[in-house]
Amino acid sequence: MDKYVGLDRDKHGITQLGRVVLDARLFGLIPDTQDCGGWDIGQMQALMDKVDKEWDRYGNLPSSLPPELAERHARIYAAAITRAKDEGWDAELGDGE
C-alpha cells in the first residue's frame, strides 16, 4: 500500500484502516469530514498510534467510554455499519477470510 484510499473508498469502510479513521473521528483526532484518502503508511501509522493511546485510556472497551463518547461511538459505528451493509458487506466471515 503506497497510499490509503480513504474511508469513503475503502472496501465497505470496515477494514482495519477504516476503523482507525472512525476511531480517530471518535476521539477528535481528525475532523468528521477527514477520510484520510491519499495518506501514506507513515501518516496512517502515526494516526493509529494516537488512536491506540486514546483507547488505552479506556481499556480498549467501548463500554468504558464516558457517556458522551459512548454515544458518539454508537452513532459513528451504526452509520458505518449501515453504509457497509448497503454496499454489500456481510459481517459473517467466509472460509477464506
N, C-alpha and C. Protein backbone atom coordinates (compact mmCIF):
# COMPACT_ATOMS: atom_id res chain seq x y z
N MET A 1 0.84 -1.18 0.00
CA MET A 1 0.00 0.00 0.00
C MET A 1 0.88 1.24 0.00
N ASP A 2 0.80 2.01 -1.06
CA ASP A 2 1.52 3.28 -1.11
C ASP A 2 0.73 4.37 -0.39
N LYS A 3 -0.55 4.43 -0.68
CA LYS A 3 -1.44 5.44 -0.11
C LYS A 3 -2.75 4.76 0.27
N TYR A 4 -3.32 5.21 1.37
CA TYR A 4 -4.62 4.71 1.79
C TYR A 4 -5.68 5.34 0.88
N VAL A 5 -6.64 4.54 0.43
CA VAL A 5 -7.67 5.04 -0.49
C VAL A 5 -8.64 5.99 0.19
N GLY A 6 -8.73 5.91 1.50
CA GLY A 6 -9.65 6.76 2.24
C GLY A 6 -10.88 5.98 2.67
N LEU A 7 -11.45 6.39 3.78
CA LEU A 7 -12.61 5.70 4.33
C LEU A 7 -13.75 5.64 3.33
N ASP A 8 -13.96 6.72 2.59
CA ASP A 8 -15.09 6.76 1.65
C ASP A 8 -14.92 5.79 0.48
N ARG A 9 -13.69 5.38 0.20
CA ARG A 9 -13.43 4.44 -0.91
C ARG A 9 -12.92 3.09 -0.42
N ASP A 10 -12.77 2.98 0.90
CA ASP A 10 -12.31 1.73 1.50
C ASP A 10 -13.38 0.66 1.27
N LYS A 11 -12.94 -0.57 1.10
CA LYS A 11 -13.90 -1.66 0.88
C LYS A 11 -14.85 -1.74 2.07
N HIS A 12 -16.01 -1.14 1.91
CA HIS A 12 -17.07 -1.11 2.90
C HIS A 12 -16.74 -0.28 4.14
N GLY A 13 -15.49 0.20 4.30
CA GLY A 13 -15.15 1.04 5.43
C GLY A 13 -14.95 0.30 6.74
N ILE A 14 -15.10 -1.00 6.74
CA ILE A 14 -14.97 -1.77 7.98
C ILE A 14 -13.66 -2.58 7.95
N THR A 15 -12.64 -2.00 7.39
CA THR A 15 -11.32 -2.61 7.39
C THR A 15 -10.55 -2.09 8.59
N GLN A 16 -9.36 -2.62 8.81
CA GLN A 16 -8.55 -2.14 9.94
C GLN A 16 -8.29 -0.64 9.82
N LEU A 17 -7.89 -0.19 8.65
CA LEU A 17 -7.61 1.24 8.48
C LEU A 17 -8.89 2.07 8.54
N GLY A 18 -9.98 1.51 8.05
CA GLY A 18 -11.26 2.20 8.15
C GLY A 18 -11.66 2.42 9.60
N ARG A 19 -11.43 1.43 10.43
CA ARG A 19 -11.75 1.57 11.86
C ARG A 19 -10.84 2.59 12.52
N VAL A 20 -9.59 2.68 12.07
CA VAL A 20 -8.68 3.71 12.61
C VAL A 20 -9.26 5.10 12.33
N VAL A 21 -9.74 5.31 11.11
CA VAL A 21 -10.33 6.60 10.75
C VAL A 21 -11.57 6.87 11.61
N LEU A 22 -12.44 5.87 11.75
CA LEU A 22 -13.64 6.04 12.57
C LEU A 22 -13.27 6.38 14.01
N ASP A 23 -12.29 5.68 14.55
CA ASP A 23 -11.89 5.93 15.94
C ASP A 23 -11.18 7.28 16.09
N ALA A 24 -10.42 7.67 15.09
CA ALA A 24 -9.78 8.98 15.14
C ALA A 24 -10.83 10.08 15.15
N ARG A 25 -11.90 9.88 14.40
CA ARG A 25 -13.02 10.83 14.44
C ARG A 25 -13.66 10.83 15.81
N LEU A 26 -13.88 9.63 16.36
CA LEU A 26 -14.49 9.48 17.67
C LEU A 26 -13.75 10.32 18.71
N PHE A 27 -12.45 10.22 18.72
CA PHE A 27 -11.64 10.90 19.73
C PHE A 27 -11.26 12.33 19.35
N GLY A 28 -11.76 12.81 18.22
CA GLY A 28 -11.49 14.18 17.82
C GLY A 28 -10.08 14.41 17.32
N LEU A 29 -9.42 13.34 16.89
CA LEU A 29 -8.05 13.47 16.37
C LEU A 29 -8.04 14.00 14.94
N ILE A 30 -9.13 13.79 14.22
CA ILE A 30 -9.33 14.33 12.88
C ILE A 30 -10.77 14.81 12.79
N PRO A 31 -11.05 15.74 11.89
CA PRO A 31 -12.44 16.17 11.73
C PRO A 31 -13.30 15.04 11.14
N ASP A 32 -14.59 15.12 11.38
CA ASP A 32 -15.52 14.11 10.85
C ASP A 32 -15.53 14.08 9.33
N THR A 33 -15.06 15.12 8.69
CA THR A 33 -15.03 15.19 7.23
C THR A 33 -13.75 14.59 6.64
N GLN A 34 -12.76 14.30 7.48
CA GLN A 34 -11.47 13.76 7.01
C GLN A 34 -11.60 12.25 6.81
N ASP A 35 -11.33 11.76 5.61
CA ASP A 35 -11.38 10.31 5.38
C ASP A 35 -9.99 9.71 5.19
N CYS A 36 -8.96 10.54 5.27
CA CYS A 36 -7.55 10.13 5.19
C CYS A 36 -7.16 9.59 3.81
N GLY A 37 -7.94 9.88 2.81
CA GLY A 37 -7.61 9.48 1.45
C GLY A 37 -6.30 10.12 1.01
N GLY A 38 -5.41 9.30 0.47
CA GLY A 38 -4.12 9.77 -0.01
C GLY A 38 -3.03 9.78 1.06
N TRP A 39 -3.37 9.41 2.29
CA TRP A 39 -2.37 9.38 3.35
C TRP A 39 -1.43 8.20 3.12
N ASP A 40 -0.14 8.41 3.38
CA ASP A 40 0.80 7.31 3.23
C ASP A 40 0.83 6.46 4.50
N ILE A 41 1.53 5.35 4.44
CA ILE A 41 1.54 4.38 5.55
C ILE A 41 2.08 5.02 6.83
N GLY A 42 3.05 5.92 6.71
CA GLY A 42 3.60 6.59 7.89
C GLY A 42 2.56 7.46 8.58
N GLN A 43 1.79 8.18 7.79
CA GLN A 43 0.73 9.01 8.35
C GLN A 43 -0.35 8.15 9.02
N MET A 44 -0.70 7.06 8.37
CA MET A 44 -1.72 6.18 8.94
C MET A 44 -1.20 5.51 10.22
N GLN A 45 0.07 5.14 10.24
CA GLN A 45 0.65 4.53 11.45
C GLN A 45 0.67 5.53 12.60
N ALA A 46 1.02 6.77 12.31
CA ALA A 46 1.03 7.80 13.35
C ALA A 46 -0.38 8.02 13.91
N LEU A 47 -1.38 8.01 13.02
CA LEU A 47 -2.75 8.16 13.47
C LEU A 47 -3.18 6.95 14.29
N MET A 48 -2.79 5.76 13.85
CA MET A 48 -3.12 4.54 14.58
C MET A 48 -2.51 4.58 15.99
N ASP A 49 -1.29 5.07 16.11
CA ASP A 49 -0.64 5.18 17.42
C ASP A 49 -1.42 6.12 18.34
N LYS A 50 -1.90 7.23 17.80
CA LYS A 50 -2.70 8.17 18.60
C LYS A 50 -4.01 7.54 19.02
N VAL A 51 -4.65 6.83 18.10
CA VAL A 51 -5.91 6.15 18.41
C VAL A 51 -5.68 5.10 19.50
N ASP A 52 -4.60 4.33 19.37
CA ASP A 52 -4.29 3.30 20.38
C ASP A 52 -4.10 3.92 21.76
N LYS A 53 -3.43 5.07 21.84
CA LYS A 53 -3.24 5.75 23.12
C LYS A 53 -4.57 6.16 23.73
N GLU A 54 -5.48 6.63 22.89
CA GLU A 54 -6.79 7.02 23.39
C GLU A 54 -7.55 5.79 23.90
N TRP A 55 -7.54 4.71 23.14
CA TRP A 55 -8.25 3.51 23.58
C TRP A 55 -7.63 2.94 24.86
N ASP A 56 -6.32 3.06 25.00
CA ASP A 56 -5.66 2.56 26.22
C ASP A 56 -6.23 3.23 27.47
N ARG A 57 -6.64 4.48 27.35
CA ARG A 57 -7.22 5.21 28.49
C ARG A 57 -8.51 4.55 28.97
N TYR A 58 -9.16 3.81 28.09
CA TYR A 58 -10.45 3.20 28.40
C TYR A 58 -10.39 1.68 28.36
N GLY A 59 -9.20 1.13 28.45
CA GLY A 59 -9.04 -0.32 28.46
C GLY A 59 -9.47 -0.99 27.17
N ASN A 60 -9.48 -0.22 26.08
CA ASN A 60 -9.89 -0.73 24.77
C ASN A 60 -11.31 -1.25 24.73
N LEU A 61 -12.16 -0.72 25.60
CA LEU A 61 -13.56 -1.18 25.69
C LEU A 61 -14.52 -0.02 25.47
N PRO A 62 -15.35 -0.12 24.44
CA PRO A 62 -16.36 0.93 24.26
C PRO A 62 -17.24 1.12 25.50
N SER A 63 -17.48 0.04 26.24
CA SER A 63 -18.32 0.13 27.44
C SER A 63 -17.67 0.96 28.55
N SER A 64 -16.37 1.22 28.43
CA SER A 64 -15.67 2.03 29.43
C SER A 64 -15.59 3.51 29.04
N LEU A 65 -16.09 3.84 27.86
CA LEU A 65 -16.07 5.23 27.44
C LEU A 65 -17.03 6.05 28.29
N PRO A 66 -16.70 7.33 28.54
CA PRO A 66 -17.65 8.19 29.24
C PRO A 66 -18.91 8.34 28.37
N PRO A 67 -20.04 8.68 28.98
CA PRO A 67 -21.32 8.71 28.24
C PRO A 67 -21.29 9.47 26.92
N GLU A 68 -20.68 10.63 26.88
CA GLU A 68 -20.66 11.40 25.63
C GLU A 68 -19.92 10.67 24.52
N LEU A 69 -18.76 10.10 24.86
CA LEU A 69 -18.00 9.34 23.86
C LEU A 69 -18.70 8.03 23.50
N ALA A 70 -19.33 7.40 24.47
CA ALA A 70 -20.05 6.14 24.20
C ALA A 70 -21.18 6.38 23.20
N GLU A 71 -21.89 7.49 23.37
CA GLU A 71 -22.98 7.82 22.45
C GLU A 71 -22.42 8.13 21.07
N ARG A 72 -21.32 8.87 21.03
CA ARG A 72 -20.68 9.21 19.76
C ARG A 72 -20.19 7.93 19.06
N HIS A 73 -19.58 7.03 19.83
CA HIS A 73 -19.10 5.76 19.29
C HIS A 73 -20.26 4.98 18.67
N ALA A 74 -21.35 4.87 19.41
CA ALA A 74 -22.51 4.13 18.91
C ALA A 74 -23.03 4.75 17.62
N ARG A 75 -23.09 6.07 17.57
CA ARG A 75 -23.61 6.77 16.39
C ARG A 75 -22.68 6.58 15.19
N ILE A 76 -21.37 6.76 15.41
CA ILE A 76 -20.39 6.63 14.32
C ILE A 76 -20.40 5.22 13.75
N TYR A 77 -20.37 4.23 14.63
CA TYR A 77 -20.30 2.85 14.15
C TYR A 77 -21.63 2.37 13.56
N ALA A 78 -22.74 2.83 14.08
CA ALA A 78 -24.04 2.46 13.49
C ALA A 78 -24.12 2.98 12.06
N ALA A 79 -23.69 4.21 11.85
CA ALA A 79 -23.71 4.78 10.49
C ALA A 79 -22.75 4.02 9.58
N ALA A 80 -21.57 3.69 10.08
CA ALA A 80 -20.58 2.96 9.26
C ALA A 80 -21.07 1.57 8.91
N ILE A 81 -21.71 0.89 9.85
CA ILE A 81 -22.21 -0.46 9.59
C ILE A 81 -23.37 -0.41 8.61
N THR A 82 -24.25 0.56 8.77
CA THR A 82 -25.37 0.71 7.82
C THR A 82 -24.83 0.94 6.42
N ARG A 83 -23.87 1.84 6.29
CA ARG A 83 -23.26 2.14 4.98
C ARG A 83 -22.62 0.88 4.39
N ALA A 84 -21.88 0.16 5.22
CA ALA A 84 -21.20 -1.05 4.75
C ALA A 84 -22.20 -2.11 4.28
N LYS A 85 -23.26 -2.30 5.04
CA LYS A 85 -24.28 -3.28 4.64
C LYS A 85 -24.96 -2.85 3.34
N ASP A 86 -25.22 -1.54 3.19
CA ASP A 86 -25.81 -1.04 1.95
C ASP A 86 -24.92 -1.31 0.75
N GLU A 87 -23.60 -1.41 1.00
CA GLU A 87 -22.64 -1.66 -0.08
C GLU A 87 -22.29 -3.14 -0.21
N GLY A 88 -23.03 -4.00 0.50
CA GLY A 88 -22.84 -5.44 0.34
C GLY A 88 -21.99 -6.12 1.37
N TRP A 89 -21.57 -5.40 2.40
CA TRP A 89 -20.75 -6.01 3.45
C TRP A 89 -21.55 -7.03 4.23
N ASP A 90 -20.93 -8.18 4.53
CA ASP A 90 -21.55 -9.21 5.33
C ASP A 90 -20.63 -9.45 6.53
N ALA A 91 -21.15 -9.27 7.71
CA ALA A 91 -20.34 -9.41 8.93
C ALA A 91 -19.84 -10.84 9.14
N GLU A 92 -20.49 -11.81 8.54
CA GLU A 92 -20.06 -13.20 8.66
C GLU A 92 -18.85 -13.43 7.75
N LEU A 93 -17.78 -13.93 8.33
CA LEU A 93 -16.58 -14.22 7.55
C LEU A 93 -16.73 -15.53 6.81
N GLY A 94 -16.23 -15.55 5.59
CA GLY A 94 -16.22 -16.78 4.82
C GLY A 94 -15.01 -17.61 5.17
N ASP A 95 -14.90 -18.78 4.59
CA ASP A 95 -13.79 -19.68 4.87
C ASP A 95 -12.44 -19.08 4.54
N GLY A 96 -12.38 -18.24 3.53
CA GLY A 96 -11.11 -17.66 3.10
C GLY A 96 -10.78 -16.34 3.76
N GLU A 97 -11.57 -15.92 4.76
CA GLU A 97 -11.33 -14.62 5.36
C GLU A 97 -10.90 -14.71 6.80
